Every structure is written in C-alpha cells, then in structure tokens.
Amino acid sequence: MRRWPKVHHLTGLCRSHIHSMAATELFPNPVKHGARASAWLESEISSWIADRIQESRSINVKQESEA
C-alpha cells in the first residue's frame, strides 16, 4: 500500500487531479484506512504507470509511421 506522498512522487500529479481522475475511473481508487487515512495498492499504481508508458509509446510509433 502506498500513501499519498509516494503516489505523488511516482506519478507527479497533484492530489486534486488524482482524485478527480479516480472519480471518473481514469486512476485507481484509494483504499480507506479508517475515517481519515487512505492508501493506494502498489500493484494498481504500477499498472497505471505501465499503461501510460504503453500509450505514450504507441502514439509515438503511430506518429513516426505516418511521417
């Protein structure tokens, strides 16, 4: 489980952006740990990052083939 500071470090995204993305299912939802604490599953964050890398590389390959 990763708390907010580590998620921010890994993604480079601000808290409000992550929460708005999670609300629209574009980012993994945190797991609640009591009334005020939340954490994200490390596997879900790693998978989300890997997906962004794959999308970026797919776009770059497509752009190069069109040129």
Protein backbone atom coordinates (compact mmCIF):
# COMPACT_ATOMS: atom_id res chain seq x y z
CA MET A 1 0.00 0.00 0.00
CA ARG A 2 1.23 3.48 -0.87
CA ARG A 3 0.20 6.64 0.93
CA TRP A 4 -0.25 10.00 -0.78
CA PRO A 5 3.39 11.26 -0.69
CA LYS A 6 4.66 8.17 -2.50
CA VAL A 7 1.80 8.23 -5.05
CA HIS A 8 2.58 11.89 -5.76
CA HIS A 9 6.28 11.08 -6.14
CA LEU A 10 5.58 8.19 -8.53
CA THR A 11 3.02 9.98 -10.71
CA GLY A 12 3.99 13.64 -10.47
CA LEU A 13 0.29 14.50 -10.23
CA CYS A 14 -1.34 16.73 -7.62
CA ARG A 15 -3.83 15.36 -5.11
CA SER A 16 -6.90 17.05 -6.63
CA HIS A 17 -6.06 15.78 -10.12
CA ILE A 18 -5.64 12.21 -8.87
CA HIS A 19 -8.95 12.35 -7.00
CA SER A 20 -10.80 13.78 -10.00
CA MET A 21 -9.28 11.10 -12.22
CA ALA A 22 -10.26 8.39 -9.73
CA ALA A 23 -13.83 9.75 -9.67
CA THR A 24 -14.04 9.19 -13.43
CA GLU A 25 -12.26 5.81 -13.24
CA LEU A 26 -9.13 7.08 -15.00
CA PHE A 27 -6.96 6.35 -11.95
CA PRO A 28 -7.17 3.62 -9.28
CA ASN A 29 -9.30 4.45 -6.26
CA PRO A 30 -7.64 4.58 -2.86
CA VAL A 31 -8.44 2.07 -0.14
CA LYS A 32 -9.80 3.67 3.03
CA HIS A 33 -7.99 3.00 6.30
CA GLY A 34 -10.38 4.49 8.82
CA ALA A 35 -12.09 7.86 8.67
CA ARG A 36 -9.14 9.97 7.50
CA ALA A 37 -6.48 7.69 6.04
CA SER A 38 -6.28 6.32 2.50
CA ALA A 39 -3.69 4.39 0.54
CA TRP A 40 -3.40 3.00 -2.97
CA LEU A 41 -2.46 -0.54 -3.92
CA GLU A 42 1.08 -0.50 -5.23
CA SER A 43 0.18 -3.02 -7.95
CA GLU A 44 -2.61 -0.76 -9.26
CA ILE A 45 -0.35 2.30 -9.33
CA SER A 46 2.41 0.35 -11.11
CA SER A 47 -0.10 -0.97 -13.64
CA TRP A 48 -1.50 2.54 -14.24
CA ILE A 49 2.03 3.88 -14.85
CA ALA A 50 2.85 0.99 -17.21
CA ASP A 51 -0.37 1.68 -19.15
CA ARG A 52 0.57 5.36 -19.55
CA ILE A 53 4.02 4.37 -20.84
CA GLN A 54 2.50 1.91 -23.30
CA GLU A 55 0.01 4.51 -24.55
CA SER A 56 2.79 7.06 -25.00
CA ARG A 57 4.96 4.66 -26.95
CA SER A 58 2.04 3.56 -29.12
CA ILE A 59 1.30 7.17 -30.02
CA ASN A 60 4.97 7.84 -30.84
CA VAL A 61 5.20 4.75 -33.08
CA LYS A 62 1.98 5.72 -34.88
CA GLN A 63 3.22 9.28 -35.46
CA GLU A 64 6.55 8.02 -36.82
CA SER A 65 4.84 5.61 -39.24
CA GLU A 66 2.61 8.41 -40.56
CA ALA A 67 5.60 10.67 -41.26
